[in-house]
Amino acid sequence: MATLYVGNLPWNTTSEDLSSFFGQYGQVISSRIITDRETGRSRGFGFVEVEDDDASRMAEDLNGKDFGGRPLTVNEARPKQQM
């Protein structure tokens, strides 16, 4: 399993929207939109977990692709950095 970072999302995007869009290009395991802790509003990015076999192809195919009128930023997520 691999995780893709997806940025520049329209503010009203749901995790279901993300799953169905990415599902057209490969096997989606799960997706989540990152929200602001205090307001609960989308922060404009999220993560999609996909099969390892699909990850790099999906990142390449979908980076810059129009989604809700905005060009997506898609790349393989890096592990969280410890401060």
N, C-alpha and C. Protein backbone atom coordinates (compact mmCIF):
# COMPACT_ATOMS: atom_id res chain seq x y z
N MET A 1 0.84 -1.18 0.00
CA MET A 1 0.00 0.00 0.00
C MET A 1 0.89 1.24 0.00
N ALA A 2 0.49 2.25 -0.78
CA ALA A 2 1.23 3.51 -0.84
C ALA A 2 0.26 4.66 -0.62
N THR A 3 0.78 5.77 -0.14
CA THR A 3 -0.05 6.94 0.13
C THR A 3 0.35 8.08 -0.81
N LEU A 4 -0.65 8.66 -1.46
CA LEU A 4 -0.42 9.81 -2.33
C LEU A 4 -0.90 11.07 -1.62
N TYR A 5 -0.07 12.12 -1.69
CA TYR A 5 -0.47 13.44 -1.21
C TYR A 5 -1.22 14.12 -2.35
N VAL A 6 -2.36 14.74 -2.04
CA VAL A 6 -3.14 15.44 -3.06
C VAL A 6 -3.38 16.86 -2.56
N GLY A 7 -2.82 17.83 -3.28
CA GLY A 7 -2.95 19.22 -2.86
C GLY A 7 -3.72 20.05 -3.88
N ASN A 8 -4.03 21.29 -3.48
CA ASN A 8 -4.76 22.26 -4.30
C ASN A 8 -6.20 21.81 -4.56
N LEU A 9 -6.79 21.16 -3.56
CA LEU A 9 -8.18 20.69 -3.69
C LEU A 9 -9.16 21.85 -3.50
N PRO A 10 -10.29 21.82 -4.23
CA PRO A 10 -11.35 22.78 -3.94
C PRO A 10 -11.81 22.59 -2.49
N TRP A 11 -12.21 23.67 -1.83
CA TRP A 11 -12.55 23.62 -0.40
C TRP A 11 -13.70 22.69 -0.08
N ASN A 12 -14.60 22.45 -1.04
CA ASN A 12 -15.79 21.62 -0.75
C ASN A 12 -15.59 20.15 -1.10
N THR A 13 -14.38 19.74 -1.41
CA THR A 13 -14.11 18.34 -1.76
C THR A 13 -14.31 17.42 -0.56
N THR A 14 -14.97 16.28 -0.79
CA THR A 14 -15.14 15.28 0.28
C THR A 14 -14.21 14.10 -0.01
N SER A 15 -14.01 13.25 0.99
CA SER A 15 -13.17 12.07 0.77
C SER A 15 -13.82 11.14 -0.25
N GLU A 16 -15.16 11.15 -0.33
CA GLU A 16 -15.86 10.33 -1.33
C GLU A 16 -15.54 10.85 -2.75
N ASP A 17 -15.52 12.19 -2.91
CA ASP A 17 -15.16 12.78 -4.20
C ASP A 17 -13.77 12.32 -4.62
N LEU A 18 -12.85 12.36 -3.67
CA LEU A 18 -11.47 11.98 -3.93
C LEU A 18 -11.37 10.51 -4.32
N SER A 19 -12.05 9.64 -3.57
CA SER A 19 -12.03 8.20 -3.87
C SER A 19 -12.58 7.91 -5.25
N SER A 20 -13.71 8.53 -5.60
CA SER A 20 -14.31 8.21 -6.90
C SER A 20 -13.45 8.75 -8.03
N PHE A 21 -12.85 9.93 -7.87
CA PHE A 21 -11.99 10.49 -8.92
C PHE A 21 -10.75 9.62 -9.11
N PHE A 22 -10.07 9.28 -8.03
CA PHE A 22 -8.86 8.47 -8.13
C PHE A 22 -9.18 7.04 -8.53
N GLY A 23 -10.38 6.56 -8.18
CA GLY A 23 -10.80 5.21 -8.53
C GLY A 23 -10.88 4.96 -10.03
N GLN A 24 -11.00 6.04 -10.81
CA GLN A 24 -11.02 5.91 -12.27
C GLN A 24 -9.64 5.52 -12.81
N TYR A 25 -8.61 5.71 -12.00
CA TYR A 25 -7.23 5.52 -12.46
C TYR A 25 -6.53 4.33 -11.79
N GLY A 26 -7.15 3.73 -10.79
CA GLY A 26 -6.52 2.58 -10.12
C GLY A 26 -7.30 2.21 -8.87
N GLN A 27 -6.76 1.26 -8.13
CA GLN A 27 -7.41 0.72 -6.93
C GLN A 27 -7.19 1.65 -5.74
N VAL A 28 -8.28 2.23 -5.23
CA VAL A 28 -8.21 3.12 -4.06
C VAL A 28 -8.57 2.31 -2.82
N ILE A 29 -7.73 2.38 -1.79
CA ILE A 29 -7.99 1.69 -0.54
C ILE A 29 -8.76 2.61 0.41
N SER A 30 -8.30 3.86 0.53
CA SER A 30 -9.01 4.83 1.36
C SER A 30 -8.57 6.23 0.97
N SER A 31 -9.32 7.22 1.45
CA SER A 31 -8.92 8.61 1.21
C SER A 31 -9.38 9.43 2.39
N ARG A 32 -8.70 10.54 2.61
CA ARG A 32 -9.12 11.44 3.68
C ARG A 32 -8.72 12.87 3.32
N ILE A 33 -9.58 13.80 3.71
CA ILE A 33 -9.33 15.23 3.53
C ILE A 33 -8.85 15.75 4.88
N ILE A 34 -7.80 16.55 4.86
CA ILE A 34 -7.28 17.11 6.10
C ILE A 34 -8.06 18.39 6.43
N THR A 35 -8.57 18.45 7.66
CA THR A 35 -9.39 19.60 8.06
C THR A 35 -8.71 20.35 9.20
N ASP A 36 -9.09 21.60 9.32
CA ASP A 36 -8.59 22.45 10.40
C ASP A 36 -9.22 21.97 11.71
N ARG A 37 -8.41 21.78 12.73
CA ARG A 37 -8.92 21.26 14.01
C ARG A 37 -9.97 22.18 14.64
N GLU A 38 -9.75 23.48 14.51
CA GLU A 38 -10.66 24.41 15.19
C GLU A 38 -11.94 24.70 14.42
N THR A 39 -11.85 24.84 13.11
CA THR A 39 -13.04 25.20 12.33
C THR A 39 -13.71 24.01 11.66
N GLY A 40 -12.96 22.91 11.48
CA GLY A 40 -13.51 21.74 10.80
C GLY A 40 -13.54 21.88 9.29
N ARG A 41 -13.05 23.02 8.78
CA ARG A 41 -13.05 23.25 7.33
C ARG A 41 -11.84 22.58 6.69
N SER A 42 -12.00 22.24 5.41
CA SER A 42 -10.92 21.62 4.65
C SER A 42 -9.72 22.55 4.61
N ARG A 43 -8.53 21.96 4.65
CA ARG A 43 -7.29 22.75 4.52
C ARG A 43 -6.78 22.71 3.08
N GLY A 44 -7.58 22.09 2.18
CA GLY A 44 -7.24 22.12 0.76
C GLY A 44 -6.30 21.01 0.30
N PHE A 45 -6.08 20.02 1.17
CA PHE A 45 -5.27 18.88 0.75
C PHE A 45 -5.74 17.62 1.46
N GLY A 46 -5.27 16.48 0.95
CA GLY A 46 -5.67 15.21 1.54
C GLY A 46 -4.71 14.12 1.12
N PHE A 47 -5.07 12.90 1.46
CA PHE A 47 -4.25 11.74 1.15
C PHE A 47 -5.12 10.62 0.61
N VAL A 48 -4.59 9.89 -0.36
CA VAL A 48 -5.29 8.75 -0.94
C VAL A 48 -4.37 7.55 -0.83
N GLU A 49 -4.86 6.47 -0.21
CA GLU A 49 -4.08 5.23 -0.13
C GLU A 49 -4.46 4.37 -1.32
N VAL A 50 -3.44 3.90 -2.04
CA VAL A 50 -3.65 3.10 -3.25
C VAL A 50 -2.75 1.88 -3.22
N GLU A 51 -3.00 0.95 -4.15
CA GLU A 51 -2.12 -0.21 -4.28
C GLU A 51 -0.74 0.25 -4.73
N ASP A 52 0.31 -0.40 -4.22
CA ASP A 52 1.68 -0.04 -4.59
C ASP A 52 1.88 0.00 -6.10
N ASP A 53 1.29 -0.98 -6.80
CA ASP A 53 1.46 -1.08 -8.25
C ASP A 53 0.93 0.16 -8.98
N ASP A 54 -0.08 0.81 -8.41
CA ASP A 54 -0.72 1.95 -9.07
C ASP A 54 -0.11 3.30 -8.68
N ALA A 55 0.60 3.36 -7.56
CA ALA A 55 0.98 4.65 -6.95
C ALA A 55 1.75 5.58 -7.87
N SER A 56 2.88 5.14 -8.41
CA SER A 56 3.68 6.09 -9.19
C SER A 56 3.00 6.47 -10.50
N ARG A 57 2.29 5.52 -11.12
CA ARG A 57 1.57 5.83 -12.35
C ARG A 57 0.46 6.84 -12.08
N MET A 58 -0.28 6.63 -10.99
CA MET A 58 -1.38 7.55 -10.65
C MET A 58 -0.83 8.95 -10.33
N ALA A 59 0.26 9.01 -9.59
CA ALA A 59 0.86 10.31 -9.25
C ALA A 59 1.25 11.04 -10.53
N GLU A 60 1.85 10.32 -11.45
CA GLU A 60 2.30 10.91 -12.72
C GLU A 60 1.10 11.36 -13.56
N ASP A 61 0.10 10.47 -13.70
CA ASP A 61 -1.07 10.77 -14.53
C ASP A 61 -1.93 11.91 -13.98
N LEU A 62 -2.03 12.01 -12.65
CA LEU A 62 -2.98 12.94 -12.05
C LEU A 62 -2.36 14.27 -11.62
N ASN A 63 -1.05 14.36 -11.54
CA ASN A 63 -0.42 15.62 -11.17
C ASN A 63 -0.72 16.66 -12.26
N GLY A 64 -1.31 17.78 -11.86
CA GLY A 64 -1.67 18.83 -12.81
C GLY A 64 -3.04 18.65 -13.46
N LYS A 65 -3.69 17.50 -13.21
CA LYS A 65 -5.01 17.21 -13.77
C LYS A 65 -6.05 18.13 -13.15
N ASP A 66 -7.00 18.60 -13.96
CA ASP A 66 -8.05 19.48 -13.46
C ASP A 66 -9.03 18.70 -12.57
N PHE A 67 -9.32 19.24 -11.41
CA PHE A 67 -10.29 18.65 -10.48
C PHE A 67 -11.07 19.81 -9.88
N GLY A 68 -12.33 19.92 -10.23
CA GLY A 68 -13.16 21.01 -9.73
C GLY A 68 -12.64 22.39 -10.12
N GLY A 69 -12.01 22.47 -11.30
CA GLY A 69 -11.51 23.75 -11.79
C GLY A 69 -10.13 24.14 -11.29
N ARG A 70 -9.47 23.23 -10.56
CA ARG A 70 -8.14 23.52 -10.05
C ARG A 70 -7.16 22.42 -10.45
N PRO A 71 -5.92 22.78 -10.79
CA PRO A 71 -4.93 21.74 -11.14
C PRO A 71 -4.41 21.06 -9.86
N LEU A 72 -4.56 19.74 -9.80
CA LEU A 72 -4.12 19.00 -8.62
C LEU A 72 -2.60 18.95 -8.52
N THR A 73 -2.12 18.87 -7.29
CA THR A 73 -0.73 18.55 -7.00
C THR A 73 -0.77 17.14 -6.41
N VAL A 74 -0.16 16.19 -7.11
CA VAL A 74 -0.20 14.80 -6.64
C VAL A 74 1.22 14.25 -6.64
N ASN A 75 1.63 13.70 -5.49
CA ASN A 75 2.91 13.01 -5.43
C ASN A 75 2.87 11.98 -4.31
N GLU A 76 3.88 11.10 -4.30
CA GLU A 76 3.90 10.10 -3.25
C GLU A 76 4.22 10.78 -1.93
N ALA A 77 3.40 10.51 -0.92
CA ALA A 77 3.56 11.16 0.38
C ALA A 77 4.85 10.70 1.04
N ARG A 78 5.48 11.64 1.71
CA ARG A 78 6.68 11.32 2.49
C ARG A 78 6.27 11.11 3.93
N PRO A 79 7.01 10.28 4.67
CA PRO A 79 6.66 10.08 6.09
C PRO A 79 6.73 11.40 6.84
N LYS A 80 5.91 11.52 7.89
CA LYS A 80 5.93 12.73 8.71
C LYS A 80 7.32 12.96 9.26
N GLN A 81 7.75 14.22 9.24
CA GLN A 81 9.05 14.58 9.80
C GLN A 81 8.89 14.80 11.30
N GLN A 82 9.80 14.25 12.07
CA GLN A 82 9.77 14.48 13.51
C GLN A 82 10.47 15.80 13.81
N MET A 83 9.86 16.61 14.67
CA MET A 83 10.44 17.92 14.99
C MET A 83 11.46 17.79 16.09
